[in-house]
Structure formats: structure tokens, C-alpha cells
Amino acid sequence: MSAERKHSRLAIFLVAVWVVFTVTLTAWWLIFGLRQLDLINQSNLENAVQLNRHYQMLLWEGGILIASLLGGGLALFYYARREQKRHAQVEEFFAAFTHDAKTALASLRLQAESLQEDYANAGPNPLLDRLLRDTLRLQLQLENSLFLVNLTRGKFFLEPITLSSCLNNLTRHWPELTIRESGDAVVMADARALDSILTNLIQNAVTHGHATEIEIRIDGGRNGRATIRIADNGRGFTGDFNQLGKLFVRHGRGSGSGVGLYIVRQLVKRMRGAIAFESRAESGFVAQFDLPDSSTVAGTEHADRMQANYEASVAGRR
């Protein structure tokens, strides 16, 4: 269940509790007041007429107050429920629209790559290269949007993935970028999520760091964990590293919205990993994260146990 839905249900529950509490308190006050008037009336018959007027006044005031509380509570419940439905509709529309747009962009990128292969002998084509870069950027933004919508409720399928093969499939997206790889490992991860993590980190180095070279070093087999270190030769980052990975935090006039690194941090966390950012010693930016390593029995058992615990906790919350 997403956090937004939890908040909506909590708001509706609090409205219901408020209505029940206030109406019950008012009704108790009304009944108590009427009983006190009855007791006074029984002990002082000479002032019965005057007390009867107070009785009527108290009855009318209490009834109007209870009706007002009920009306206000029902109005709050109605608007909270309508807001919950509206949010669900917007979320469903956004997910459907993003998915359709992503499919269309994938088709467009495939055709652009086909054109690039057909005109490979004709020399460089800056317009076609720009089209491919823009298509990749839009695909990444849409993919991040889908993850952002489904981050708390989406299901992950952890499977053994060889990092070198995953990186080889990605490097073709940046033909002008020099990517050096060293080491390899087989990690327990969700293929789509891992692809998004690596794509966001490399795209971040190219777009915001203006990097021309990236070094990817993989160390596996350490206590059932595999460490992936991605270092670039870009202009680096001079701000507060604690703010990196926070949603919609801009670090400068030319910086992005922070969605990419936020998605990276959340996906790594969902796959039971950890990530850290730092500046490179000479120049550039470094992102280092670890994931469960399936090449060892400990890594596989750790990933399976953590995934089972997570699914059990999700089922318990539902």
C-alpha cells in the first residue's frame, strides 16, 4: 500500500473519530443538562414554567449543535473521500500515460538506431546523434516517473544478474563516452531496477558533470556483498552531499530536480543495498553502492531472507 493511500485512509479515519467523539460528547452534555433540569424541576415546582423555558432552549441548542457537528463531519468525510478517489485516478492516469509514452519512445529510439546503422558509412550525423540522446533522456525521465509512482507498492523480482553483461547492454547508449570496466560479480537484483540505477548514474555524470570518461570497478565476494564503484572525470559536486538523493532538491541553477538520484537511492535500498556519494580525489564524482552477491551461498541466503522478510512485512501492513 502506498504512503499516499495510507495518509488518505488515515485522514478519513481521523474524520470519523472526530465526528463520533464530538457528537457523543455533545449528546452526553445535552442529556446531562436535561437531567439536571429535571431534578431541579422536581424539587422546585413553583418555578416549573421558567425551568421549562430553559429546558426548551437547552434542547434546541443541543440539537442544533449536534446537527452542525454531523453536517460538518459528513462534509469533511465527503471531501476527504473525493480527494482520495481523485488522487487514485490521477495516479492511474499518470502511470498509464507514462507507460504508453515510454513504449512510443522505445519504438522511436529503435527506428533512430536503425537509421544510424543504415547511414554508418556516410559519416557522422550530429542531428541523428542528438535525436538518440534526447530519446534516451526522455526514456530515462519516463522510467523514473514510473518508479516514482510505484516505488512504495511495486514488486521486485530478485534474480542472479551478471553485472558485466548488464553494463555491456547499457554502454551502447553513450557511444561518445569512454567507459572502462574492471571486475565482475553476480548480484541478486531486479533487472529493471538495476538497469535504471546504472543508467541514472551514468546519465547524471554525462548531463550534470559533463564527463567524457567513466571508470566502473566491481568488487565481489566480500561477506556476500558486491560493491560497484562508478567514478567520472567530470566537474564533480561542491554542495552538501547529505542532500544528494533527496527528492526535488536543486543544488544550483543548472542542476536537475533530484529525481534521478532519489530513484537510485530508493531502488538500492529496496534491493537491500546501500549507496554513498563522494568527490573524486583529482576531479569528478563518485557513486558507490553494494548489493547482495549471489556467487556465494551467504549472499543468496541473505537476499532470499531479506526479500522474504520484506514481503512478509508488506503483507502484514496490508
C-alpha atoms as a PDB file:
ATOM      1  CA  MET A   1       0.000   0.000   0.000  1.00  0.00           C
ATOM      2  CA  SER A   2       1.437   3.409  -0.988  1.00  0.00           C
ATOM      3  CA  ALA A   3       2.157   6.137   1.530  1.00  0.00           C
ATOM      4  CA  GLU A   4      -0.367   8.441  -0.151  1.00  0.00           C
ATOM      5  CA  ARG A   5      -3.149   5.905   0.236  1.00  0.00           C
ATOM      6  CA  LYS A   6      -2.208   5.343   3.856  1.00  0.00           C
ATOM      7  CA  HIS A   7      -2.401   9.072   4.503  1.00  0.00           C
ATOM      8  CA  SER A   8      -5.783   9.303   2.773  1.00  0.00           C
ATOM      9  CA  ARG A   9      -7.199   6.442   4.799  1.00  0.00           C
ATOM     10  CA  LEU A  10      -5.732   7.902   7.966  1.00  0.00           C
ATOM     11  CA  ALA A  11      -7.395  11.256   7.195  1.00  0.00           C
ATOM     12  CA  ILE A  12     -10.772   9.565   6.676  1.00  0.00           C
ATOM     13  CA  PHE A  13     -10.338   7.564   9.876  1.00  0.00           C
ATOM     14  CA  LEU A  14      -9.471  10.696  11.862  1.00  0.00           C
ATOM     15  CA  VAL A  15     -12.531  12.480  10.459  1.00  0.00           C
ATOM     16  CA  ALA A  16     -14.734   9.573  11.535  1.00  0.00           C
ATOM     17  CA  VAL A  17     -13.156   9.531  15.004  1.00  0.00           C
ATOM     18  CA  TRP A  18     -13.623  13.289  15.345  1.00  0.00           C
ATOM     19  CA  VAL A  19     -17.291  13.119  14.354  1.00  0.00           C
ATOM     20  CA  VAL A  20     -18.045  10.223  16.712  1.00  0.00           C
ATOM     21  CA  PHE A  21     -16.184  11.842  19.620  1.00  0.00           C
ATOM     22  CA  THR A  22     -17.679  15.325  19.275  1.00  0.00           C
ATOM     23  CA  VAL A  23     -21.231  14.115  18.654  1.00  0.00           C
ATOM     24  CA  THR A  24     -21.011  11.700  21.593  1.00  0.00           C
ATOM     25  CA  LEU A  25     -19.611  14.422  23.860  1.00  0.00           C
ATOM     26  CA  THR A  26     -22.311  16.877  22.802  1.00  0.00           C
ATOM     27  CA  ALA A  27     -25.070  14.297  23.262  1.00  0.00           C
ATOM     28  CA  TRP A  28     -23.746  13.466  26.730  1.00  0.00           C
ATOM     29  CA  TRP A  29     -23.653  17.160  27.600  1.00  0.00           C
ATOM     30  CA  LEU A  30     -27.248  17.587  26.379  1.00  0.00           C
ATOM     31  CA  ILE A  31     -28.550  14.583  28.279  1.00  0.00           C
ATOM     32  CA  PHE A  32     -26.715  15.638  31.438  1.00  0.00           C
ATOM     33  CA  GLY A  33     -28.114  19.170  31.214  1.00  0.00           C
ATOM     34  CA  LEU A  34     -31.665  17.939  30.660  1.00  0.00           C
ATOM     35  CA  ARG A  35     -31.420  15.560  33.607  1.00  0.00           C
ATOM     36  CA  GLN A  36     -30.173  18.352  35.842  1.00  0.00           C
ATOM     37  CA  LEU A  37     -33.140  20.472  34.816  1.00  0.00           C
ATOM     38  CA  ASP A  38     -35.492  17.555  35.542  1.00  0.00           C
ATOM     39  CA  LEU A  39     -34.024  17.186  39.026  1.00  0.00           C
ATOM     40  CA  ILE A  40     -34.366  20.892  39.716  1.00  0.00           C
ATOM     41  CA  ASN A  41     -37.871  20.836  38.290  1.00  0.00           C
ATOM     42  CA  GLN A  42     -38.907  18.019  40.628  1.00  0.00           C
ATOM     43  CA  SER A  43     -37.574  19.815  43.710  1.00  0.00           C
ATOM     44  CA  ASN A  44     -38.931  23.262  42.846  1.00  0.00           C
ATOM     45  CA  LEU A  45     -42.405  23.048  41.337  1.00  0.00           C
ATOM     46  CA  GLU A  46     -43.076  26.798  41.736  1.00  0.00           C
ATOM     47  CA  ASN A  47     -40.505  27.679  39.059  1.00  0.00           C
ATOM     48  CA  ALA A  48     -41.568  24.900  36.692  1.00  0.00           C
ATOM     49  CA  VAL A  49     -42.686  27.289  33.966  1.00  0.00           C
ATOM     50  CA  GLN A  50     -39.387  29.196  33.981  1.00  0.00           C
ATOM     51  CA  LEU A  51     -37.347  25.984  34.016  1.00  0.00           C
ATOM     52  CA  ASN A  52     -39.424  24.630  31.140  1.00  0.00           C
ATOM     53  CA  ARG A  53     -38.197  27.546  29.029  1.00  0.00           C
ATOM     54  CA  HIS A  54     -34.599  26.645  29.876  1.00  0.00           C
ATOM     55  CA  TYR A  55     -35.429  23.046  29.056  1.00  0.00           C
ATOM     56  CA  GLN A  56     -36.676  24.008  25.582  1.00  0.00           C
ATOM     57  CA  MET A  57     -33.742  26.340  24.991  1.00  0.00           C
ATOM     58  CA  LEU A  58     -31.219  23.656  26.005  1.00  0.00           C
ATOM     59  CA  LEU A  59     -32.959  21.087  23.830  1.00  0.00           C
ATOM     60  CA  TRP A  60     -32.890  23.343  20.773  1.00  0.00           C
ATOM     61  CA  GLU A  61     -29.289  24.446  21.288  1.00  0.00           C
ATOM     62  CA  GLY A  62     -28.109  20.869  21.789  1.00  0.00           C
ATOM     63  CA  GLY A  63     -29.997  19.629  18.732  1.00  0.00           C
ATOM     64  CA  ILE A  64     -28.617  22.409  16.523  1.00  0.00           C
ATOM     65  CA  LEU A  65     -25.083  21.781  17.810  1.00  0.00           C
ATOM     66  CA  ILE A  66     -25.328  18.041  17.147  1.00  0.00           C
ATOM     67  CA  ALA A  67     -26.761  18.671  13.673  1.00  0.00           C
ATOM     68  CA  SER A  68     -23.934  21.138  12.918  1.00  0.00           C
ATOM     69  CA  LEU A  69     -21.283  18.662  14.030  1.00  0.00           C
ATOM     70  CA  LEU A  70     -22.831  15.890  11.969  1.00  0.00           C
ATOM     71  CA  GLY A  71     -23.120  18.149   8.925  1.00  0.00           C
ATOM     72  CA  GLY A  72     -19.521  19.347   9.244  1.00  0.00           C
ATOM     73  CA  GLY A  73     -18.232  15.826   9.814  1.00  0.00           C
ATOM     74  CA  LEU A  74     -20.108  14.439   6.809  1.00  0.00           C
ATOM     75  CA  ALA A  75     -18.794  17.299   4.670  1.00  0.00           C
ATOM     76  CA  LEU A  76     -15.212  16.588   5.781  1.00  0.00           C
ATOM     77  CA  PHE A  77     -15.702  12.870   5.128  1.00  0.00           C
ATOM     78  CA  TYR A  78     -17.132  13.595   1.665  1.00  0.00           C
ATOM     79  CA  TYR A  79     -14.267  15.859   0.639  1.00  0.00           C
ATOM     80  CA  ALA A  80     -11.616  13.515   2.063  1.00  0.00           C
ATOM     81  CA  ARG A  81     -13.157  10.586   0.208  1.00  0.00           C
ATOM     82  CA  ARG A  82     -13.411  12.603  -3.010  1.00  0.00           C
ATOM     83  CA  GLU A  83      -9.774  13.664  -2.693  1.00  0.00           C
ATOM     84  CA  GLN A  84      -8.763  10.030  -2.208  1.00  0.00           C
ATOM     85  CA  LYS A  85     -10.614   8.967  -5.367  1.00  0.00           C
ATOM     86  CA  ARG A  86      -9.202  11.889  -7.334  1.00  0.00           C
ATOM     87  CA  HIS A  87      -5.663  11.037  -6.260  1.00  0.00           C
ATOM     88  CA  ALA A  88      -6.147   7.403  -7.269  1.00  0.00           C
ATOM     89  CA  GLN A  89      -7.482   8.435 -10.683  1.00  0.00           C
ATOM     90  CA  VAL A  90      -4.590  10.837 -11.271  1.00  0.00           C
ATOM     91  CA  GLU A  91      -2.110   8.153 -10.235  1.00  0.00           C
ATOM     92  CA  GLU A  92      -3.655   5.564 -12.579  1.00  0.00           C
ATOM     93  CA  PHE A  93      -3.784   8.033 -15.470  1.00  0.00           C
ATOM     94  CA  PHE A  94      -0.192   9.100 -14.918  1.00  0.00           C
ATOM     95  CA  ALA A  95       1.034   5.512 -14.808  1.00  0.00           C
ATOM     96  CA  ALA A  96      -0.900   4.563 -17.961  1.00  0.00           C
ATOM     97  CA  PHE A  97       0.200   7.689 -19.837  1.00  0.00           C
ATOM     98  CA  THR A  98       3.842   7.242 -18.846  1.00  0.00           C
ATOM     99  CA  HIS A  99       3.803   3.594 -19.877  1.00  0.00           C
ATOM    100  CA  ASP A 100       2.301   4.397 -23.303  1.00  0.00           C
ATOM    101  CA  ALA A 101       4.741   7.247 -23.863  1.00  0.00           C
ATOM    102  CA  LYS A 102       7.646   5.018 -22.860  1.00  0.00           C
ATOM    103  CA  THR A 103       6.541   2.393 -25.383  1.00  0.00           C
ATOM    104  CA  ALA A 104       6.320   5.004 -28.152  1.00  0.00           C
ATOM    105  CA  LEU A 105       9.765   6.375 -27.280  1.00  0.00           C
ATOM    106  CA  ALA A 106      11.251   2.882 -27.332  1.00  0.00           C
ATOM    107  CA  SER A 107       9.880   2.416 -30.838  1.00  0.00           C
ATOM    108  CA  LEU A 108      11.238   5.823 -31.888  1.00  0.00           C
ATOM    109  CA  ARG A 109      14.673   5.005 -30.481  1.00  0.00           C
ATOM    110  CA  LEU A 110      14.712   1.660 -32.297  1.00  0.00           C
ATOM    111  CA  GLN A 111      13.982   3.388 -35.602  1.00  0.00           C
ATOM    112  CA  ALA A 112      16.652   6.041 -34.922  1.00  0.00           C
ATOM    113  CA  GLU A 113      19.214   3.324 -34.179  1.00  0.00           C
ATOM    114  CA  SER A 114      18.243   1.569 -37.402  1.00  0.00           C
ATOM    115  CA  LEU A 115      18.801   4.816 -39.323  1.00  0.00           C
ATOM    116  CA  GLN A 116      22.159   5.257 -37.618  1.00  0.00           C
ATOM    117  CA  GLU A 117      23.227   1.788 -38.737  1.00  0.00           C
ATOM    118  CA  ASP A 118      21.980   2.387 -42.295  1.00  0.00           C
ATOM    119  CA  TYR A 119      23.940   5.651 -42.601  1.00  0.00           C
ATOM    120  CA  ALA A 120      27.001   4.487 -40.660  1.00  0.00           C
ATOM    121  CA  ASN A 121      29.199   4.680 -43.789  1.00  0.00           C
ATOM    122  CA  ALA A 122      28.029   8.212 -44.610  1.00  0.00           C
ATOM    123  CA  GLY A 123      29.999   9.761 -41.769  1.00  0.00           C
ATOM    124  CA  PRO A 124      28.906  11.363 -38.504  1.00  0.00           C
ATOM    125  CA  ASN A 125      25.365  12.675 -38.282  1.00  0.00           C
ATOM    126  CA  PRO A 126      25.015  15.221 -35.426  1.00  0.00           C
ATOM    127  CA  LEU A 127      21.243  15.521 -35.798  1.00  0.00           C
ATOM    128  CA  LEU A 128      20.748  11.768 -35.549  1.00  0.00           C
ATOM    129  CA  ASP A 129      23.100  11.558 -32.569  1.00  0.00           C
ATOM    130  CA  ARG A 130      21.178  14.347 -30.836  1.00  0.00           C
ATOM    131  CA  LEU A 131      17.908  12.558 -31.538  1.00  0.00           C
ATOM    132  CA  LEU A 132      19.255   9.410 -29.900  1.00  0.00           C
ATOM    133  CA  ARG A 133      20.493  11.335 -26.840  1.00  0.00           C
ATOM    134  CA  ASP A 134      17.206  13.167 -26.404  1.00  0.00           C
ATOM    135  CA  THR A 135      15.261   9.941 -26.796  1.00  0.00           C
ATOM    136  CA  LEU A 136      17.392   8.268 -24.139  1.00  0.00           C
ATOM    137  CA  ARG A 137      16.914  11.241 -21.792  1.00  0.00           C
ATOM    138  CA  LEU A 138      13.132  11.173 -22.230  1.00  0.00           C
ATOM    139  CA  GLN A 139      13.053   7.409 -21.772  1.00  0.00           C
ATOM    140  CA  LEU A 140      15.004   7.761 -18.544  1.00  0.00           C
ATOM    141  CA  GLN A 141      12.707  10.518 -17.258  1.00  0.00           C
ATOM    142  CA  LEU A 142       9.624   8.441 -18.003  1.00  0.00           C
ATOM    143  CA  GLU A 143      11.179   5.385 -16.386  1.00  0.00           C
ATOM    144  CA  ASN A 144      11.952   7.456 -13.296  1.00  0.00           C
ATOM    145  CA  SER A 145       8.385   8.720 -13.270  1.00  0.00           C
ATOM    146  CA  LEU A 146       7.043   5.164 -13.346  1.00  0.00           C
ATOM    147  CA  PHE A 147       9.348   4.172 -10.492  1.00  0.00           C
ATOM    148  CA  LEU A 148       8.356   7.298  -8.576  1.00  0.00           C
ATOM    149  CA  VAL A 149       4.665   6.396  -8.842  1.00  0.00           C
ATOM    150  CA  ASN A 150       5.100   2.722  -7.985  1.00  0.00           C
ATOM    151  CA  LEU A 151       8.122   2.939  -5.688  1.00  0.00           C
ATOM    152  CA  THR A 152       6.361   2.026  -2.448  1.00  0.00           C
ATOM    153  CA  ARG A 153       3.918  -0.507  -3.852  1.00  0.00           C
ATOM    154  CA  GLY A 154       5.833  -2.027  -6.777  1.00  0.00           C
ATOM    155  CA  LYS A 155       7.069  -5.602  -6.526  1.00  0.00           C
ATOM    156  CA  PHE A 156      10.674  -6.574  -7.145  1.00  0.00           C
ATOM    157  CA  PHE A 157      11.801  -9.863  -8.657  1.00  0.00           C
ATOM    158  CA  LEU A 158      15.272 -10.661  -7.378  1.00  0.00           C
ATOM    159  CA  GLU A 159      17.320 -12.895  -9.650  1.00  0.00           C
ATOM    160  CA  PRO A 160      21.038 -13.539 -10.314  1.00  0.00           C
ATOM    161  CA  ILE A 161      22.341 -10.877 -12.726  1.00  0.00           C
ATOM    162  CA  THR A 162      25.853 -10.643 -14.128  1.00  0.00           C
ATOM    163  CA  LEU A 163      26.950  -7.028 -13.843  1.00  0.00           C
ATOM    164  CA  SER A 164      29.304  -7.100 -16.839  1.00  0.00           C
ATOM    165  CA  SER A 165      26.534  -8.199 -19.219  1.00  0.00           C
ATOM    166  CA  CYS A 166      24.216  -5.574 -17.791  1.00  0.00           C
ATOM    167  CA  LEU A 167      26.830  -2.860 -18.301  1.00  0.00           C
ATOM    168  CA  ASN A 168      27.580  -4.018 -21.855  1.00  0.00           C
ATOM    169  CA  ASN A 169      23.936  -3.549 -22.766  1.00  0.00           C
ATOM    170  CA  LEU A 170      23.996  -0.006 -21.382  1.00  0.00           C
ATOM    171  CA  THR A 171      27.262   1.361 -22.754  1.00  0.00           C
ATOM    172  CA  ARG A 172      25.922   1.419 -26.306  1.00  0.00           C
ATOM    173  CA  HIS A 173      23.635   4.312 -25.319  1.00  0.00           C
ATOM    174  CA  TRP A 174      26.663   6.636 -24.965  1.00  0.00           C
ATOM    175  CA  PRO A 175      28.943   5.957 -27.943  1.00  0.00           C
ATOM    176  CA  GLU A 176      30.911   9.183 -27.346  1.00  0.00           C
ATOM    177  CA  LEU A 177      31.618   8.237 -23.717  1.00  0.00           C
ATOM    178  CA  THR A 178      34.714   6.243 -22.740  1.00  0.00           C
ATOM    179  CA  ILE A 179      33.723   3.608 -20.190  1.00  0.00           C
ATOM    180  CA  ARG A 180      36.357   1.424 -18.558  1.00  0.00           C
ATOM    181  CA  GLU A 181      35.248  -1.633 -16.597  1.00  0.00           C
ATOM    182  CA  SER A 182      37.139  -3.845 -14.183  1.00  0.00           C
ATOM    183  CA  GLY A 183      35.969  -6.821 -12.174  1.00  0.00           C
ATOM    184  CA  ASP A 184      32.671  -8.652 -12.263  1.00  0.00           C
ATOM    185  CA  ALA A 185      30.094 -10.160  -9.958  1.00  0.00           C
ATOM    186  CA  VAL A 186      26.716 -11.837  -9.991  1.00  0.00           C
ATOM    187  CA  VAL A 187      24.255  -9.981  -7.804  1.00  0.00           C
ATOM    188  CA  MET A 188      20.749 -10.655  -6.590  1.00  0.00           C
ATOM    189  CA  ALA A 189      18.763  -7.780  -8.058  1.00  0.00           C
ATOM    190  CA  ASP A 190      15.734  -6.780 -10.054  1.00  0.00           C
ATOM    191  CA  ALA A 191      16.834  -6.443 -13.692  1.00  0.00           C
ATOM    192  CA  ARG A 192      14.725  -3.359 -14.462  1.00  0.00           C
ATOM    193  CA  ALA A 193      15.690  -1.618 -11.237  1.00  0.00           C
ATOM    194  CA  LEU A 194      19.415  -2.351 -11.692  1.00  0.00           C
ATOM    195  CA  ASP A 195      19.266  -1.076 -15.267  1.00  0.00           C
ATOM    196  CA  SER A 196      17.617   2.138 -14.016  1.00  0.00           C
ATOM    197  CA  ILE A 197      20.259   2.614 -11.296  1.00  0.00           C
ATOM    198  CA  LEU A 198      23.191   2.308 -13.687  1.00  0.00           C
ATOM    199  CA  THR A 199      21.511   4.404 -16.397  1.00  0.00           C
ATOM    200  CA  ASN A 200      20.710   7.218 -13.977  1.00  0.00           C
ATOM    201  CA  LEU A 201      24.241   7.302 -12.571  1.00  0.00           C
ATOM    202  CA  ILE A 202      25.893   7.352 -15.993  1.00  0.00           C
ATOM    203  CA  GLN A 203      23.411   9.885 -17.364  1.00  0.00           C
ATOM    204  CA  ASN A 204      23.969  12.061 -14.307  1.00  0.00           C
ATOM    205  CA  ALA A 205      27.726  12.033 -14.964  1.00  0.00           C
ATOM    206  CA  VAL A 206      27.213  12.973 -18.622  1.00  0.00           C
ATOM    207  CA  THR A 207      24.463  15.582 -18.188  1.00  0.00           C
ATOM    208  CA  HIS A 208      25.448  17.363 -14.974  1.00  0.00           C
ATOM    209  CA  GLY A 209      29.147  16.513 -14.720  1.00  0.00           C
ATOM    210  CA  HIS A 210      29.927  16.797 -18.458  1.00  0.00           C
ATOM    211  CA  ALA A 211      32.087  13.717 -18.066  1.00  0.00           C
ATOM    212  CA  THR A 212      33.913  12.172 -21.011  1.00  0.00           C
ATOM    213  CA  GLU A 213      35.300   9.149 -19.171  1.00  0.00           C
ATOM    214  CA  ILE A 214      33.773   6.829 -16.582  1.00  0.00           C
ATOM    215  CA  GLU A 215      35.519   4.108 -14.625  1.00  0.00           C
ATOM    216  CA  ILE A 216      33.375   1.288 -13.259  1.00  0.00           C
ATOM    217  CA  ARG A 217      35.011  -1.033 -10.750  1.00  0.00           C
ATOM    218  CA  ILE A 218      33.243  -4.098  -9.373  1.00  0.00           C
ATOM    219  CA  ASP A 219      34.421  -5.963  -6.292  1.00  0.00           C
ATOM    220  CA  GLY A 220      32.519  -9.131  -5.436  1.00  0.00           C
ATOM    221  CA  GLY A 221      32.646 -11.902  -2.900  1.00  0.00           C
ATOM    222  CA  ARG A 222      33.132  -9.833   0.256  1.00  0.00           C
ATOM    223  CA  ASN A 223      30.840 -11.068   3.019  1.00  0.00           C
ATOM    224  CA  GLY A 224      28.187 -11.908   0.478  1.00  0.00           C
ATOM    225  CA  ARG A 225      28.160  -8.383  -0.976  1.00  0.00           C
ATOM    226  CA  ALA A 226      29.242  -6.918  -4.312  1.00  0.00           C
ATOM    227  CA  THR A 227      30.447  -3.314  -4.475  1.00  0.00           C
ATOM    228  CA  ILE A 228      30.019  -1.222  -7.622  1.00  0.00           C
ATOM    229  CA  ARG A 229      32.044   1.997  -7.843  1.00  0.00           C
ATOM    230  CA  ILE A 230      31.270   4.464 -10.646  1.00  0.00           C
ATOM    231  CA  ALA A 231      33.752   7.354 -10.939  1.00  0.00           C
ATOM    232  CA  ASP A 232      33.789  10.011 -13.677  1.00  0.00           C
ATOM    233  CA  ASN A 233      36.162  12.774 -14.755  1.00  0.00           C
ATOM    234  CA  GLY A 234      33.510  15.482 -14.771  1.00  0.00           C
ATOM    235  CA  ARG A 235      33.353  18.704 -12.827  1.00  0.00           C
ATOM    236  CA  GLY A 236      32.242  16.971  -9.647  1.00  0.00           C
ATOM    237  CA  PHE A 237      29.956  18.291  -6.934  1.00  0.00           C
ATOM    238  CA  THR A 238      30.718  21.039  -4.427  1.00  0.00           C
ATOM    239  CA  GLY A 239      27.459  21.146  -2.462  1.00  0.00           C
ATOM    240  CA  ASP A 240      26.165  19.246   0.542  1.00  0.00           C
ATOM    241  CA  PHE A 241      26.481  15.518  -0.144  1.00  0.00           C
ATOM    242  CA  ASN A 242      23.872  14.791   2.522  1.00  0.00           C
ATOM    243  CA  GLN A 243      21.302  16.499   0.295  1.00  0.00           C
ATOM    244  CA  LEU A 244      22.083  14.323  -2.722  1.00  0.00           C
ATOM    245  CA  GLY A 245      19.342  11.802  -3.373  1.00  0.00           C
ATOM    246  CA  LYS A 246      16.610  13.911  -1.778  1.00  0.00           C
ATOM    247  CA  LEU A 247      13.544  14.465  -3.921  1.00  0.00           C
ATOM    248  CA  PHE A 248      13.130  17.841  -5.665  1.00  0.00           C
ATOM    249  CA  VAL A 249      16.223  19.358  -4.046  1.00  0.00           C
ATOM    250  CA  ARG A 250      18.026  21.635  -6.504  1.00  0.00           C
ATOM    251  CA  HIS A 251      21.730  22.208  -5.866  1.00  0.00           C
ATOM    252  CA  GLY A 252      22.204  25.028  -8.337  1.00  0.00           C
ATOM    253  CA  ARG A 253      20.632  26.928 -11.187  1.00  0.00           C
ATOM    254  CA  GLY A 254      21.773  24.380 -13.730  1.00  0.00           C
ATOM    255  CA  SER A 255      21.033  21.295 -11.673  1.00  0.00           C
ATOM    256  CA  GLY A 256      18.157  18.910 -12.166  1.00  0.00           C
ATOM    257  CA  SER A 257      15.175  18.156  -9.962  1.00  0.00           C
ATOM    258  CA  GLY A 258      16.912  15.458  -7.924  1.00  0.00           C
ATOM    259  CA  VAL A 259      14.541  12.731  -9.096  1.00  0.00           C
ATOM    260  CA  GLY A 260      17.266  10.622 -10.715  1.00  0.00           C
ATOM    261  CA  LEU A 261      19.491  10.254  -7.659  1.00  0.00           C
ATOM    262  CA  TYR A 262      16.429   9.898  -5.425  1.00  0.00           C
ATOM    263  CA  ILE A 263      15.241   6.957  -7.554  1.00  0.00           C
ATOM    264  CA  VAL A 264      18.751   5.477  -7.424  1.00  0.00           C
ATOM    265  CA  ARG A 265      18.909   5.720  -3.639  1.00  0.00           C
ATOM    266  CA  GLN A 266      15.442   4.256  -3.160  1.00  0.00           C
ATOM    267  CA  LEU A 267      15.964   1.379  -5.611  1.00  0.00           C
ATOM    268  CA  VAL A 268      19.263   0.412  -3.993  1.00  0.00           C
ATOM    269  CA  LYS A 269      17.561   0.496  -0.607  1.00  0.00           C
ATOM    270  CA  ARG A 270      14.660  -1.624  -1.854  1.00  0.00           C
ATOM    271  CA  MET A 271      17.146  -4.265  -3.069  1.00  0.00           C
ATOM    272  CA  ARG A 272      18.786  -4.332   0.376  1.00  0.00           C
ATOM    273  CA  GLY A 273      21.819  -2.333  -0.607  1.00  0.00           C
ATOM    274  CA  ALA A 274      23.487   0.917   0.429  1.00  0.00           C
ATOM    275  CA  ILE A 275      24.807   3.816  -1.628  1.00  0.00           C
ATOM    276  CA  ALA A 276      27.163   6.732  -0.949  1.00  0.00           C
ATOM    277  CA  PHE A 277      28.345   9.732  -2.973  1.00  0.00           C
ATOM    278  CA  GLU A 278      31.699  11.484  -2.752  1.00  0.00           C
ATOM    279  CA  SER A 279      34.095  13.668  -4.701  1.00  0.00           C
ATOM    280  CA  ARG A 280      36.940  12.121  -6.593  1.00  0.00           C
ATOM    281  CA  ALA A 281      40.451  12.887  -5.374  1.00  0.00           C
ATOM    282  CA  GLU A 282      41.551  14.641  -8.574  1.00  0.00           C
ATOM    283  CA  SER A 283      38.281  15.680 -10.215  1.00  0.00           C
ATOM    284  CA  GLY A 284      34.876  14.247 -10.842  1.00  0.00           C
ATOM    285  CA  PHE A 285      32.158  12.472  -8.934  1.00  0.00           C
ATOM    286  CA  VAL A 286      31.964   9.024  -7.355  1.00  0.00           C
ATOM    287  CA  ALA A 287      28.890   6.902  -6.633  1.00  0.00           C
ATOM    288  CA  GLN A 288      29.440   3.630  -4.797  1.00  0.00           C
ATOM    289  CA  PHE A 289      26.782   1.115  -3.884  1.00  0.00           C
ATOM    290  CA  ASP A 290      26.626  -2.528  -2.859  1.00  0.00           C
ATOM    291  CA  LEU A 291      24.140  -5.332  -3.482  1.00  0.00           C
ATOM    292  CA  PRO A 292      23.803  -8.945  -2.300  1.00  0.00           C
ATOM    293  CA  ASP A 293      26.240 -11.181  -4.181  1.00  0.00           C
ATOM    294  CA  SER A 294      24.691 -14.395  -5.463  1.00  0.00           C
ATOM    295  CA  SER A 295      28.069 -16.012  -6.225  1.00  0.00           C
ATOM    296  CA  THR A 296      28.317 -17.025  -2.566  1.00  0.00           C
ATOM    297  CA  VAL A 297      25.867 -19.048  -0.543  1.00  0.00           C
ATOM    298  CA  ALA A 298      25.788 -16.345   2.111  1.00  0.00           C
ATOM    299  CA  GLY A 299      24.809 -13.705  -0.439  1.00  0.00           C
ATOM    300  CA  THR A 300      21.997 -15.809  -1.861  1.00  0.00           C
ATOM    301  CA  GLU A 301      20.650 -16.745   1.537  1.00  0.00           C
ATOM    302  CA  HIS A 302      20.912 -13.142   2.692  1.00  0.00           C
ATOM    303  CA  ALA A 303      18.988 -11.838  -0.332  1.00  0.00           C
ATOM    304  CA  ASP A 304      16.309 -14.525  -0.068  1.00  0.00           C
ATOM    305  CA  ARG A 305      15.887 -13.920   3.651  1.00  0.00           C
ATOM    306  CA  MET A 306      15.687 -10.148   3.283  1.00  0.00           C
ATOM    307  CA  GLN A 307      13.223 -10.412   0.392  1.00  0.00           C
ATOM    308  CA  ALA A 308      11.054 -12.851   2.354  1.00  0.00           C
ATOM    309  CA  ASN A 309      11.089 -10.554   5.369  1.00  0.00           C
ATOM    310  CA  TYR A 310      10.159  -7.603   3.198  1.00  0.00           C
ATOM    311  CA  GLU A 311       7.259  -9.430   1.532  1.00  0.00           C
ATOM    312  CA  ALA A 312       6.048 -10.607   4.950  1.00  0.00           C
ATOM    313  CA  SER A 313       6.170  -7.066   6.314  1.00  0.00           C
ATOM    314  CA  VAL A 314       4.242  -5.752   3.299  1.00  0.00           C
ATOM    315  CA  ALA A 315       1.630  -8.499   3.723  1.00  0.00           C
ATOM    316  CA  GLY A 316       1.363  -7.659   7.427  1.00  0.00           C
ATOM    317  CA  ARG A 317       0.776  -3.956   6.676  1.00  0.00           C
ATOM    318  CA  ARG A 318      -1.985  -4.863   4.266  1.00  0.00           C
END
